[in-house]
Amino acid sequence: MTERAVNVWGKTYSVEVHQKSQIIWEAVGKYLGESIRGLDSSEGAALRRWSEAAHYTVNLISDGP
């Protein structure tokens, strides 16, 4: 596993990324206490998926009941 830095809303988070299979990359890391996972066909795309999920998590928390 390789550790990468991902910027979300002006803060940097540590995300581990590895190749699960020949065509699947996985990015895993904690954001606001929640474990988030991003899957895609390249390392960069998996990291983008992780970042998008983190942005969505903030919206869920902000718009909650």
PDB file of N, CA and C in Angstrom:
ATOM      1  N   MET A   1       0.827  -1.182   0.000  1.00  0.00           N
ATOM      2  CA  MET A   1       0.000   0.000   0.000  1.00  0.00           C
ATOM      3  C   MET A   1       0.874   1.249   0.000  1.00  0.00           C
ATOM      4  N   THR A   2       0.423   2.229  -0.719  1.00  0.00           N
ATOM      5  CA  THR A   2       1.120   3.505  -0.807  1.00  0.00           C
ATOM      6  C   THR A   2       0.255   4.572  -0.145  1.00  0.00           C
ATOM      7  N   GLU A   3       0.884   5.452   0.601  1.00  0.00           N
ATOM      8  CA  GLU A   3       0.150   6.535   1.254  1.00  0.00           C
ATOM      9  C   GLU A   3       0.226   7.793   0.396  1.00  0.00           C
ATOM     10  N   ARG A   4      -0.923   8.413   0.186  1.00  0.00           N
ATOM     11  CA  ARG A   4      -1.009   9.642  -0.604  1.00  0.00           C
ATOM     12  C   ARG A   4      -1.724  10.713   0.210  1.00  0.00           C
ATOM     13  N   ALA A   5      -1.447  11.963  -0.097  1.00  0.00           N
ATOM     14  CA  ALA A   5      -2.119  13.091   0.542  1.00  0.00           C
ATOM     15  C   ALA A   5      -3.244  13.569  -0.373  1.00  0.00           C
ATOM     16  N   VAL A   6      -4.430  13.756   0.212  1.00  0.00           N
ATOM     17  CA  VAL A   6      -5.590  14.233  -0.539  1.00  0.00           C
ATOM     18  C   VAL A   6      -6.140  15.461   0.172  1.00  0.00           C
ATOM     19  N   ASN A   7      -6.398  16.521  -0.581  1.00  0.00           N
ATOM     20  CA  ASN A   7      -6.902  17.760  -0.019  1.00  0.00           C
ATOM     21  C   ASN A   7      -8.423  17.800  -0.149  1.00  0.00           C
ATOM     22  N   VAL A   8      -9.107  17.990   0.995  1.00  0.00           N
ATOM     23  CA  VAL A   8     -10.559  18.103   1.011  1.00  0.00           C
ATOM     24  C   VAL A   8     -10.922  19.333   1.830  1.00  0.00           C
ATOM     25  N   TRP A   9     -11.600  20.287   1.202  1.00  0.00           N
ATOM     26  CA  TRP A   9     -12.036  21.517   1.866  1.00  0.00           C
ATOM     27  C   TRP A   9     -10.881  22.208   2.590  1.00  0.00           C
ATOM     28  N   GLY A  10      -9.709  22.255   1.959  1.00  0.00           N
ATOM     29  CA  GLY A  10      -8.561  22.980   2.496  1.00  0.00           C
ATOM     30  C   GLY A  10      -7.740  22.234   3.529  1.00  0.00           C
ATOM     31  N   LYS A  11      -8.093  20.998   3.834  1.00  0.00           N
ATOM     32  CA  LYS A  11      -7.319  20.183   4.772  1.00  0.00           C
ATOM     33  C   LYS A  11      -6.750  18.979   4.039  1.00  0.00           C
ATOM     34  N   THR A  12      -5.575  18.541   4.485  1.00  0.00           N
ATOM     35  CA  THR A  12      -4.912  17.399   3.857  1.00  0.00           C
ATOM     36  C   THR A  12      -5.160  16.138   4.681  1.00  0.00           C
ATOM     37  N   TYR A  13      -5.545  15.072   4.000  1.00  0.00           N
ATOM     38  CA  TYR A  13      -5.815  13.785   4.635  1.00  0.00           C
ATOM     39  C   TYR A  13      -4.921  12.715   4.029  1.00  0.00           C
ATOM     40  N   SER A  14      -4.521  11.771   4.854  1.00  0.00           N
ATOM     41  CA  SER A  14      -3.685  10.660   4.416  1.00  0.00           C
ATOM     42  C   SER A  14      -4.583   9.519   3.948  1.00  0.00           C
ATOM     43  N   VAL A  15      -4.356   9.069   2.725  1.00  0.00           N
ATOM     44  CA  VAL A  15      -5.168   8.005   2.125  1.00  0.00           C
ATOM     45  C   VAL A  15      -4.235   6.922   1.606  1.00  0.00           C
ATOM     46  N   GLU A  16      -4.535   5.683   1.947  1.00  0.00           N
ATOM     47  CA  GLU A  16      -3.754   4.555   1.440  1.00  0.00           C
ATOM     48  C   GLU A  16      -4.385   4.063   0.145  1.00  0.00           C
ATOM     49  N   VAL A  17      -3.537   3.796  -0.832  1.00  0.00           N
ATOM     50  CA  VAL A  17      -4.044   3.335  -2.128  1.00  0.00           C
ATOM     51  C   VAL A  17      -3.248   2.100  -2.564  1.00  0.00           C
ATOM     52  N   HIS A  18      -3.963   1.120  -3.116  1.00  0.00           N
ATOM     53  CA  HIS A  18      -3.300  -0.086  -3.618  1.00  0.00           C
ATOM     54  C   HIS A  18      -4.119  -0.688  -4.752  1.00  0.00           C
ATOM     55  N   GLN A  19      -3.458  -1.537  -5.510  1.00  0.00           N
ATOM     56  CA  GLN A  19      -4.106  -2.202  -6.632  1.00  0.00           C
ATOM     57  C   GLN A  19      -4.697  -3.518  -6.145  1.00  0.00           C
ATOM     58  N   LYS A  20      -6.037  -3.623  -6.166  1.00  0.00           N
ATOM     59  CA  LYS A  20      -6.731  -4.825  -5.696  1.00  0.00           C
ATOM     60  C   LYS A  20      -6.666  -5.958  -6.720  1.00  0.00           C
ATOM     61  N   SER A  21      -6.729  -5.587  -7.978  1.00  0.00           N
ATOM     62  CA  SER A  21      -6.661  -6.578  -9.056  1.00  0.00           C
ATOM     63  C   SER A  21      -6.049  -5.879 -10.261  1.00  0.00           C
ATOM     64  N   GLN A  22      -6.018  -6.578 -11.370  1.00  0.00           N
ATOM     65  CA  GLN A  22      -5.393  -6.017 -12.563  1.00  0.00           C
ATOM     66  C   GLN A  22      -6.058  -4.714 -13.009  1.00  0.00           C
ATOM     67  N   ILE A  23      -7.356  -4.590 -12.766  1.00  0.00           N
ATOM     68  CA  ILE A  23      -8.069  -3.407 -13.256  1.00  0.00           C
ATOM     69  C   ILE A  23      -8.739  -2.583 -12.157  1.00  0.00           C
ATOM     70  N   ILE A  24      -8.536  -2.914 -10.898  1.00  0.00           N
ATOM     71  CA  ILE A  24      -9.194  -2.191  -9.804  1.00  0.00           C
ATOM     72  C   ILE A  24      -8.172  -1.654  -8.809  1.00  0.00           C
ATOM     73  N   TRP A  25      -8.248  -0.345  -8.568  1.00  0.00           N
ATOM     74  CA  TRP A  25      -7.455   0.319  -7.532  1.00  0.00           C
ATOM     75  C   TRP A  25      -8.397   0.734  -6.415  1.00  0.00           C
ATOM     76  N   GLU A  26      -7.892   0.690  -5.172  1.00  0.00           N
ATOM     77  CA  GLU A  26      -8.684   1.047  -4.007  1.00  0.00           C
ATOM     78  C   GLU A  26      -7.960   2.104  -3.184  1.00  0.00           C
ATOM     79  N   ALA A  27      -8.673   3.159  -2.817  1.00  0.00           N
ATOM     80  CA  ALA A  27      -8.160   4.202  -1.934  1.00  0.00           C
ATOM     81  C   ALA A  27      -8.980   4.158  -0.650  1.00  0.00           C
ATOM     82  N   VAL A  28      -8.294   4.088   0.507  1.00  0.00           N
ATOM     83  CA  VAL A  28      -8.974   3.960   1.795  1.00  0.00           C
ATOM     84  C   VAL A  28      -8.377   4.946   2.775  1.00  0.00           C
ATOM     85  N   GLY A  29      -9.255   5.647   3.503  1.00  0.00           N
ATOM     86  CA  GLY A  29      -8.779   6.578   4.519  1.00  0.00           C
ATOM     87  C   GLY A  29      -9.921   7.065   5.383  1.00  0.00           C
ATOM     88  N   LYS A  30      -9.571   7.689   6.502  1.00  0.00           N
ATOM     89  CA  LYS A  30     -10.548   8.244   7.437  1.00  0.00           C
ATOM     90  C   LYS A  30     -10.804   9.709   7.110  1.00  0.00           C
ATOM     91  N   TYR A  31     -12.076  10.095   7.199  1.00  0.00           N
ATOM     92  CA  TYR A  31     -12.472  11.488   7.024  1.00  0.00           C
ATOM     93  C   TYR A  31     -13.569  11.779   8.032  1.00  0.00           C
ATOM     94  N   LEU A  32     -13.315  12.728   8.922  1.00  0.00           N
ATOM     95  CA  LEU A  32     -14.258  13.080   9.984  1.00  0.00           C
ATOM     96  C   LEU A  32     -14.691  11.858  10.780  1.00  0.00           C
ATOM     97  N   GLY A  33     -13.744  10.960  11.031  1.00  0.00           N
ATOM     98  CA  GLY A  33     -14.022   9.768  11.822  1.00  0.00           C
ATOM     99  C   GLY A  33     -14.673   8.630  11.067  1.00  0.00           C
ATOM    100  N   GLU A  34     -14.993   8.842   9.805  1.00  0.00           N
ATOM    101  CA  GLU A  34     -15.623   7.817   8.977  1.00  0.00           C
ATOM    102  C   GLU A  34     -14.601   7.210   8.029  1.00  0.00           C
ATOM    103  N   SER A  35     -14.653   5.901   7.867  1.00  0.00           N
ATOM    104  CA  SER A  35     -13.788   5.234   6.894  1.00  0.00           C
ATOM    105  C   SER A  35     -14.423   5.365   5.517  1.00  0.00           C
ATOM    106  N   ILE A  36     -13.646   5.863   4.572  1.00  0.00           N
ATOM    107  CA  ILE A  36     -14.139   6.071   3.210  1.00  0.00           C
ATOM    108  C   ILE A  36     -13.279   5.265   2.252  1.00  0.00           C
ATOM    109  N   ARG A  37     -13.930   4.700   1.222  1.00  0.00           N
ATOM    110  CA  ARG A  37     -13.233   3.885   0.224  1.00  0.00           C
ATOM    111  C   ARG A  37     -13.620   4.357  -1.163  1.00  0.00           C
ATOM    112  N   GLY A  38     -12.639   4.467  -2.025  1.00  0.00           N
ATOM    113  CA  GLY A  38     -12.883   4.803  -3.420  1.00  0.00           C
ATOM    114  C   GLY A  38     -12.299   3.734  -4.319  1.00  0.00           C
ATOM    115  N   LEU A  39     -13.065   3.278  -5.284  1.00  0.00           N
ATOM    116  CA  LEU A  39     -12.618   2.243  -6.230  1.00  0.00           C
ATOM    117  C   LEU A  39     -12.692   2.789  -7.649  1.00  0.00           C
ATOM    118  N   ASP A  40     -11.657   2.479  -8.440  1.00  0.00           N
ATOM    119  CA  ASP A  40     -11.700   2.867  -9.860  1.00  0.00           C
ATOM    120  C   ASP A  40     -10.602   2.120 -10.607  1.00  0.00           C
ATOM    121  N   SER A  41     -10.434   2.434 -11.885  1.00  0.00           N
ATOM    122  CA  SER A  41      -9.522   1.685 -12.755  1.00  0.00           C
ATOM    123  C   SER A  41      -8.075   2.168 -12.727  1.00  0.00           C
ATOM    124  N   SER A  42      -7.795   3.288 -12.036  1.00  0.00           N
ATOM    125  CA  SER A  42      -6.411   3.755 -11.896  1.00  0.00           C
ATOM    126  C   SER A  42      -6.214   4.321 -10.498  1.00  0.00           C
ATOM    127  N   GLU A  43      -4.970   4.496 -10.105  1.00  0.00           N
ATOM    128  CA  GLU A  43      -4.675   5.044  -8.782  1.00  0.00           C
ATOM    129  C   GLU A  43      -5.268   6.441  -8.621  1.00  0.00           C
ATOM    130  N   GLY A  44      -5.027   7.305  -9.601  1.00  0.00           N
ATOM    131  CA  GLY A  44      -5.528   8.673  -9.537  1.00  0.00           C
ATOM    132  C   GLY A  44      -7.045   8.741  -9.501  1.00  0.00           C
ATOM    133  N   ALA A  45      -7.686   7.888 -10.275  1.00  0.00           N
ATOM    134  CA  ALA A  45      -9.148   7.874 -10.309  1.00  0.00           C
ATOM    135  C   ALA A  45      -9.724   7.381  -8.987  1.00  0.00           C
ATOM    136  N   ALA A  46      -9.086   6.393  -8.366  1.00  0.00           N
ATOM    137  CA  ALA A  46      -9.537   5.905  -7.053  1.00  0.00           C
ATOM    138  C   ALA A  46      -9.401   7.003  -6.004  1.00  0.00           C
ATOM    139  N   LEU A  47      -8.316   7.771  -6.067  1.00  0.00           N
ATOM    140  CA  LEU A  47      -8.135   8.889  -5.138  1.00  0.00           C
ATOM    141  C   LEU A  47      -9.196   9.966  -5.364  1.00  0.00           C
ATOM    142  N   ARG A  48      -9.541  10.215  -6.614  1.00  0.00           N
ATOM    143  CA  ARG A  48     -10.614  11.178  -6.919  1.00  0.00           C
ATOM    144  C   ARG A  48     -11.946  10.694  -6.354  1.00  0.00           C
ATOM    145  N   ARG A  49     -12.221   9.414  -6.493  1.00  0.00           N
ATOM    146  CA  ARG A  49     -13.465   8.840  -5.947  1.00  0.00           C
ATOM    147  C   ARG A  49     -13.501   9.020  -4.433  1.00  0.00           C
ATOM    148  N   TRP A  50     -12.350   8.804  -3.783  1.00  0.00           N
ATOM    149  CA  TRP A  50     -12.270   8.987  -2.327  1.00  0.00           C
ATOM    150  C   TRP A  50     -12.581  10.446  -1.981  1.00  0.00           C
ATOM    151  N   SER A  51     -11.976  11.368  -2.699  1.00  0.00           N
ATOM    152  CA  SER A  51     -12.187  12.793  -2.454  1.00  0.00           C
ATOM    153  C   SER A  51     -13.657  13.177  -2.670  1.00  0.00           C
ATOM    154  N   GLU A  52     -14.272  12.679  -3.728  1.00  0.00           N
ATOM    155  CA  GLU A  52     -15.684  12.953  -3.995  1.00  0.00           C
ATOM    156  C   GLU A  52     -16.561  12.417  -2.862  1.00  0.00           C
ATOM    157  N   ALA A  53     -16.256  11.222  -2.378  1.00  0.00           N
ATOM    158  CA  ALA A  53     -17.019  10.638  -1.274  1.00  0.00           C
ATOM    159  C   ALA A  53     -16.861  11.468  -0.002  1.00  0.00           C
ATOM    160  N   ALA A  54     -15.661  11.991   0.241  1.00  0.00           N
ATOM    161  CA  ALA A  54     -15.437  12.839   1.416  1.00  0.00           C
ATOM    162  C   ALA A  54     -16.253  14.120   1.300  1.00  0.00           C
ATOM    163  N   HIS A  55     -16.283  14.732   0.126  1.00  0.00           N
ATOM    164  CA  HIS A  55     -17.086  15.936  -0.069  1.00  0.00           C
ATOM    165  C   HIS A  55     -18.571  15.624   0.171  1.00  0.00           C
ATOM    166  N   TYR A  56     -19.026  14.495  -0.300  1.00  0.00           N
ATOM    167  CA  TYR A  56     -20.417  14.084  -0.121  1.00  0.00           C
ATOM    168  C   TYR A  56     -20.727  13.850   1.355  1.00  0.00           C
ATOM    169  N   THR A  57     -19.779  13.272   2.093  1.00  0.00           N
ATOM    170  CA  THR A  57     -19.951  13.018   3.531  1.00  0.00           C
ATOM    171  C   THR A  57     -20.197  14.325   4.264  1.00  0.00           C
ATOM    172  N   VAL A  58     -19.469  15.362   3.925  1.00  0.00           N
ATOM    173  CA  VAL A  58     -19.664  16.670   4.553  1.00  0.00           C
ATOM    174  C   VAL A  58     -21.067  17.184   4.281  1.00  0.00           C
ATOM    175  N   ASN A  59     -21.550  17.020   3.060  1.00  0.00           N
ATOM    176  CA  ASN A  59     -22.892  17.473   2.715  1.00  0.00           C
ATOM    177  C   ASN A  59     -23.953  16.704   3.497  1.00  0.00           C
ATOM    178  N   LEU A  60     -23.756  15.417   3.704  1.00  0.00           N
ATOM    179  CA  LEU A  60     -24.699  14.623   4.480  1.00  0.00           C
ATOM    180  C   LEU A  60     -24.758  15.104   5.924  1.00  0.00           C
ATOM    181  N   ILE A  61     -23.595  15.379   6.500  1.00  0.00           N
ATOM    182  CA  ILE A  61     -23.527  15.844   7.886  1.00  0.00           C
ATOM    183  C   ILE A  61     -24.186  17.222   8.001  1.00  0.00           C
ATOM    184  N   SER A  62     -23.898  18.108   7.052  1.00  0.00           N
ATOM    185  CA  SER A  62     -24.441  19.471   7.077  1.00  0.00           C
ATOM    186  C   SER A  62     -25.958  19.494   6.879  1.00  0.00           C
ATOM    187  N   ASP A  63     -26.469  18.583   6.040  1.00  0.00           N
ATOM    188  CA  ASP A  63     -27.889  18.579   5.702  1.00  0.00           C
ATOM    189  C   ASP A  63     -28.701  17.614   6.558  1.00  0.00           C
ATOM    190  N   GLY A  64     -28.054  17.021   7.563  1.00  0.00           N
ATOM    191  CA  GLY A  64     -28.730  16.034   8.403  1.00  0.00           C
ATOM    192  C   GLY A  64     -29.890  16.634   9.177  1.00  0.00           C
ATOM    193  N   PRO A  65     -30.667  15.775   9.872  1.00  0.00           N
ATOM    194  CA  PRO A  65     -31.857  16.230  10.596  1.00  0.00           C
ATOM    195  C   PRO A  65     -31.554  17.182  11.733  1.00  0.00           C
TER     196      PRO A  65
END
